[in-house]
Each structure stands twice: as C-alpha cells, then as structure tokens.
Amino acid sequence: MDDAIDFLGGFLLGAAIGGVVGLLFAPQSGGELQQMIRERAKMVVEEGRRAAADRRAELEAQFAQSKQVVRPM
C-alpha cells in the first residue's frame, strides 16, 4: 500500500513539475497560452457533448428495439 502511495505522489509531483516547465518554455505569451487552452477546452467539451448525444441516440434506439422484441405477457 505504501508503494502505491509513494508512486502516486511521485507521479503527481512529476506531472506538476512537467506542467510548470512546459509553461516556462512555451513559445506563446501567458495571454496567448491561456487563450489557446480555453479554445482547446471548449473544443474538447463540444466533442464530449457530441459524443454523448450520439451515444444516447444509439442507446435509445437499442432500448426501443428491445421493447419491441420483449412483449409483456
């Protein structure tokens, strides 16, 4: 259990350090970088919503089809 906690702590610390180093060496200014991150986040959220809507439509179609196959006695 201690090994897992140590690993997770090291992983999170490494991710934080990597993020800071990435921001420090980014070719854009802080404002440009923030705008790029905002745009990318909006795009990811839109893609997620679209994928969720598509999946919901598929599941609703499967549910409707299963209701036709299984009839009450």
C-alpha atoms as a PDB file:
ATOM      1  CA  MET A   1       0.000   0.000   0.000  1.00  0.00           C
ATOM      2  CA  ASP A   2       2.841   2.386   0.847  1.00  0.00           C
ATOM      3  CA  ASP A   3       4.433   1.700  -2.539  1.00  0.00           C
ATOM      4  CA  ALA A   4       1.238   2.725  -4.322  1.00  0.00           C
ATOM      5  CA  ILE A   5       1.016   5.955  -2.319  1.00  0.00           C
ATOM      6  CA  ASP A   6       4.690   6.721  -2.997  1.00  0.00           C
ATOM      7  CA  PHE A   7       4.194   6.037  -6.696  1.00  0.00           C
ATOM      8  CA  LEU A   8       1.097   8.244  -6.881  1.00  0.00           C
ATOM      9  CA  GLY A   9       2.857  11.052  -5.017  1.00  0.00           C
ATOM     10  CA  GLY A  10       5.842  10.855  -7.332  1.00  0.00           C
ATOM     11  CA  PHE A  11       3.595  10.754 -10.376  1.00  0.00           C
ATOM     12  CA  LEU A  12       1.656  13.848  -9.287  1.00  0.00           C
ATOM     13  CA  LEU A  13       4.845  15.711  -8.389  1.00  0.00           C
ATOM     14  CA  GLY A  14       6.357  14.829 -11.764  1.00  0.00           C
ATOM     15  CA  ALA A  15       3.216  15.961 -13.575  1.00  0.00           C
ATOM     16  CA  ALA A  16       3.230  19.278 -11.710  1.00  0.00           C
ATOM     17  CA  ILE A  17       6.908  19.884 -12.445  1.00  0.00           C
ATOM     18  CA  GLY A  18       6.398  18.939 -16.089  1.00  0.00           C
ATOM     19  CA  GLY A  19       3.490  21.343 -16.368  1.00  0.00           C
ATOM     20  CA  VAL A  20       5.478  24.211 -14.895  1.00  0.00           C
ATOM     21  CA  VAL A  21       8.472  23.513 -17.139  1.00  0.00           C
ATOM     22  CA  GLY A  22       6.161  23.307 -20.158  1.00  0.00           C
ATOM     23  CA  LEU A  23       4.642  26.685 -19.343  1.00  0.00           C
ATOM     24  CA  LEU A  24       8.037  28.263 -18.789  1.00  0.00           C
ATOM     25  CA  PHE A  25       9.345  27.083 -22.148  1.00  0.00           C
ATOM     26  CA  ALA A  26       6.131  27.699 -24.103  1.00  0.00           C
ATOM     27  CA  PRO A  27       6.671  29.853 -27.197  1.00  0.00           C
ATOM     28  CA  GLN A  28       3.496  31.892 -26.541  1.00  0.00           C
ATOM     29  CA  SER A  29       2.970  34.653 -24.040  1.00  0.00           C
ATOM     30  CA  GLY A  30       0.823  33.962 -20.983  1.00  0.00           C
ATOM     31  CA  GLY A  31      -2.274  35.564 -22.538  1.00  0.00           C
ATOM     32  CA  GLU A  32      -1.851  33.676 -25.798  1.00  0.00           C
ATOM     33  CA  LEU A  33      -1.319  30.422 -23.931  1.00  0.00           C
ATOM     34  CA  GLN A  34      -4.424  30.987 -21.809  1.00  0.00           C
ATOM     35  CA  GLN A  35      -6.487  31.715 -24.938  1.00  0.00           C
ATOM     36  CA  MET A  36      -5.161  28.581 -26.624  1.00  0.00           C
ATOM     37  CA  ILE A  37      -6.009  26.492 -23.553  1.00  0.00           C
ATOM     38  CA  ARG A  38      -9.529  27.999 -23.399  1.00  0.00           C
ATOM     39  CA  GLU A  39     -10.150  27.257 -27.076  1.00  0.00           C
ATOM     40  CA  ARG A  40      -8.880  23.702 -26.727  1.00  0.00           C
ATOM     41  CA  ALA A  41     -11.013  23.144 -23.622  1.00  0.00           C
ATOM     42  CA  LYS A  42     -14.119  24.410 -25.453  1.00  0.00           C
ATOM     43  CA  MET A  43     -13.356  22.094 -28.360  1.00  0.00           C
ATOM     44  CA  VAL A  44     -12.925  19.088 -26.048  1.00  0.00           C
ATOM     45  CA  VAL A  45     -16.193  19.886 -24.236  1.00  0.00           C
ATOM     46  CA  GLU A  46     -18.030  20.222 -27.571  1.00  0.00           C
ATOM     47  CA  GLU A  47     -16.635  16.896 -28.770  1.00  0.00           C
ATOM     48  CA  GLY A  48     -17.666  15.264 -25.489  1.00  0.00           C
ATOM     49  CA  ARG A  49     -21.203  16.631 -25.735  1.00  0.00           C
ATOM     50  CA  ARG A  50     -21.488  15.500 -29.335  1.00  0.00           C
ATOM     51  CA  ALA A  51     -20.210  12.014 -28.481  1.00  0.00           C
ATOM     52  CA  ALA A  52     -22.597  11.797 -25.516  1.00  0.00           C
ATOM     53  CA  ALA A  53     -25.548  12.836 -27.689  1.00  0.00           C
ATOM     54  CA  ASP A  54     -24.604  10.274 -30.341  1.00  0.00           C
ATOM     55  CA  ARG A  55     -24.267   7.531 -27.746  1.00  0.00           C
ATOM     56  CA  ARG A  56     -27.572   8.499 -26.134  1.00  0.00           C
ATOM     57  CA  ALA A  57     -29.313   8.269 -29.513  1.00  0.00           C
ATOM     58  CA  GLU A  58     -27.798   4.824 -30.075  1.00  0.00           C
ATOM     59  CA  LEU A  59     -28.895   3.602 -26.651  1.00  0.00           C
ATOM     60  CA  GLU A  60     -32.406   4.997 -27.077  1.00  0.00           C
ATOM     61  CA  ALA A  61     -32.697   3.215 -30.425  1.00  0.00           C
ATOM     62  CA  GLN A  62     -31.482  -0.051 -28.878  1.00  0.00           C
ATOM     63  CA  PHE A  63     -33.925   0.368 -25.989  1.00  0.00           C
ATOM     64  CA  ALA A  64     -36.831   0.994 -28.351  1.00  0.00           C
ATOM     65  CA  GLN A  65     -35.840  -2.058 -30.377  1.00  0.00           C
ATOM     66  CA  SER A  66     -35.604  -4.238 -27.251  1.00  0.00           C
ATOM     67  CA  LYS A  67     -39.078  -3.093 -26.149  1.00  0.00           C
ATOM     68  CA  GLN A  68     -40.460  -4.364 -29.467  1.00  0.00           C
ATOM     69  CA  VAL A  69     -38.742  -7.743 -29.091  1.00  0.00           C
ATOM     70  CA  VAL A  70     -39.826  -8.332 -25.471  1.00  0.00           C
ATOM     71  CA  ARG A  71     -43.581  -8.141 -25.136  1.00  0.00           C
ATOM     72  CA  PRO A  72     -45.415  -8.273 -21.812  1.00  0.00           C
ATOM     73  CA  MET A  73     -47.430 -11.432 -21.103  1.00  0.00           C
END
